[in-house]
Amino acid sequence: MEKIIKSFVMAGIGFAFGCLVSYYLGDGIQIPVAILFAGLPSGWSFIGKHFGHSIVFGGIIFTVLFYAVKLAAALVIGWIVLIVNVIRGLIEVLSHSTELAQ
């Protein structure tokens, strides 16, 4: 149950961040941009967990490039990770409910 709740909370945070980004970049809140950002926290967490946290040497330009690539990768990977986490959470809830029914 914790996994599915955590997944939905992270998606909500990403959606809210996407609403802010789309509001400041365009005319009002654009829902497709907000939906795109819903997977961002899951993707960022996945990248940090599996590829480690790096210290970037070489100045501000390399640091900005590093985090821009990490952000783009998190946006792409995030939705896949979010869907997998929701499915795992549903399986956990269903297996727990069948144990209670027996």
Protein backbone atom coordinates (compact mmCIF):
# COMPACT_ATOMS: atom_id res chain seq x y z
CA MET A 1 0.00 0.00 0.00
CA GLU A 2 2.90 2.32 0.74
CA LYS A 3 4.36 1.98 -2.75
CA ILE A 4 1.19 3.02 -4.54
CA ILE A 5 0.59 5.96 -2.19
CA LYS A 6 4.20 7.11 -2.60
CA SER A 7 3.88 6.82 -6.39
CA PHE A 8 0.73 8.94 -6.49
CA VAL A 9 2.18 11.56 -4.13
CA MET A 10 5.34 11.83 -6.25
CA ALA A 11 3.24 12.11 -9.42
CA GLY A 12 1.15 14.84 -7.78
CA ILE A 13 4.26 16.79 -6.84
CA GLY A 14 5.58 16.47 -10.39
CA PHE A 15 2.21 17.52 -11.80
CA ALA A 16 2.15 20.61 -9.57
CA PHE A 17 5.70 21.48 -10.64
CA GLY A 18 4.65 21.04 -14.28
CA CYS A 19 1.72 23.39 -13.71
CA LEU A 20 4.09 26.03 -12.35
CA VAL A 21 6.53 25.58 -15.24
CA SER A 22 3.81 25.76 -17.88
CA TYR A 23 2.24 28.79 -16.21
CA TYR A 24 5.48 30.76 -16.21
CA LEU A 25 6.50 29.67 -19.73
CA GLY A 26 3.21 30.18 -21.53
CA ASP A 27 -0.30 31.55 -21.33
CA GLY A 28 -1.79 29.87 -18.31
CA ILE A 29 -1.51 26.27 -17.18
CA GLN A 30 -1.08 23.77 -19.99
CA ILE A 31 -2.16 20.30 -18.90
CA PRO A 32 0.06 18.28 -21.32
CA VAL A 33 3.17 19.93 -19.90
CA ALA A 34 1.98 19.28 -16.36
CA ILE A 35 1.28 15.63 -17.20
CA LEU A 36 4.76 15.31 -18.70
CA PHE A 37 6.30 16.53 -15.44
CA ALA A 38 4.25 14.06 -13.35
CA GLY A 39 6.88 11.37 -13.94
CA LEU A 40 9.81 13.66 -13.12
CA PRO A 41 10.20 12.80 -9.39
CA SER A 42 10.11 9.07 -10.11
CA GLY A 43 12.65 9.41 -12.90
CA TRP A 44 14.95 11.65 -10.85
CA SER A 45 14.81 9.18 -7.95
CA PHE A 46 15.53 6.25 -10.29
CA ILE A 47 18.52 7.99 -11.88
CA GLY A 48 19.90 8.98 -8.48
CA LYS A 49 19.46 5.48 -7.09
CA HIS A 50 20.86 3.51 -10.03
CA PHE A 51 23.46 5.84 -11.48
CA GLY A 52 24.68 7.52 -8.31
CA HIS A 53 25.03 11.13 -7.33
CA SER A 54 27.95 12.76 -9.06
CA ILE A 55 30.04 15.78 -8.28
CA VAL A 56 30.54 17.77 -11.45
CA PHE A 57 33.96 19.31 -12.00
CA GLY A 58 34.82 21.84 -14.68
CA GLY A 59 32.84 24.94 -13.89
CA ILE A 60 29.32 26.19 -14.07
CA ILE A 61 28.79 25.28 -17.74
CA PHE A 62 29.47 21.59 -17.13
CA THR A 63 27.29 21.62 -14.05
CA VAL A 64 24.37 23.15 -15.96
CA LEU A 65 24.84 20.67 -18.83
CA PHE A 66 25.01 17.73 -16.42
CA TYR A 67 21.78 18.65 -14.67
CA ALA A 68 20.04 19.48 -17.97
CA VAL A 69 20.85 16.01 -19.31
CA LYS A 70 19.80 14.46 -15.99
CA LEU A 71 16.51 16.40 -16.13
CA ALA A 72 15.82 15.30 -19.71
CA ALA A 73 16.60 11.68 -18.85
CA ALA A 74 14.35 11.88 -15.78
CA LEU A 75 11.47 13.18 -17.90
CA VAL A 76 11.87 10.31 -20.38
CA ILE A 77 12.45 7.55 -17.82
CA GLY A 78 10.04 8.94 -15.24
CA TRP A 79 6.80 7.80 -16.82
CA ILE A 80 8.11 4.27 -17.29
CA VAL A 81 9.26 4.10 -13.67
CA LEU A 82 6.00 5.63 -12.44
CA ILE A 83 3.89 3.04 -14.29
CA VAL A 84 6.05 0.17 -13.01
CA ASN A 85 5.79 1.49 -9.43
CA VAL A 86 1.99 1.80 -9.68
CA ILE A 87 1.71 -1.75 -11.05
CA ARG A 88 3.95 -3.07 -8.27
CA GLY A 89 1.85 -1.23 -5.72
CA LEU A 90 -1.36 -2.66 -7.15
CA ILE A 91 0.07 -6.19 -7.07
CA GLU A 92 1.10 -5.64 -3.45
CA VAL A 93 -2.37 -4.40 -2.50
CA LEU A 94 -4.13 -7.23 -4.35
CA SER A 95 -1.90 -9.91 -2.84
CA HIS A 96 -2.45 -8.46 0.62
CA SER A 97 -6.22 -8.37 0.12
CA THR A 98 -6.30 -12.00 -1.03
CA GLU A 99 -4.31 -12.97 2.08
CA LEU A 100 -6.90 -11.22 4.24
CA ALA A 101 -9.78 -12.96 2.42
CA GLN A 102 -8.40 -16.41 3.19
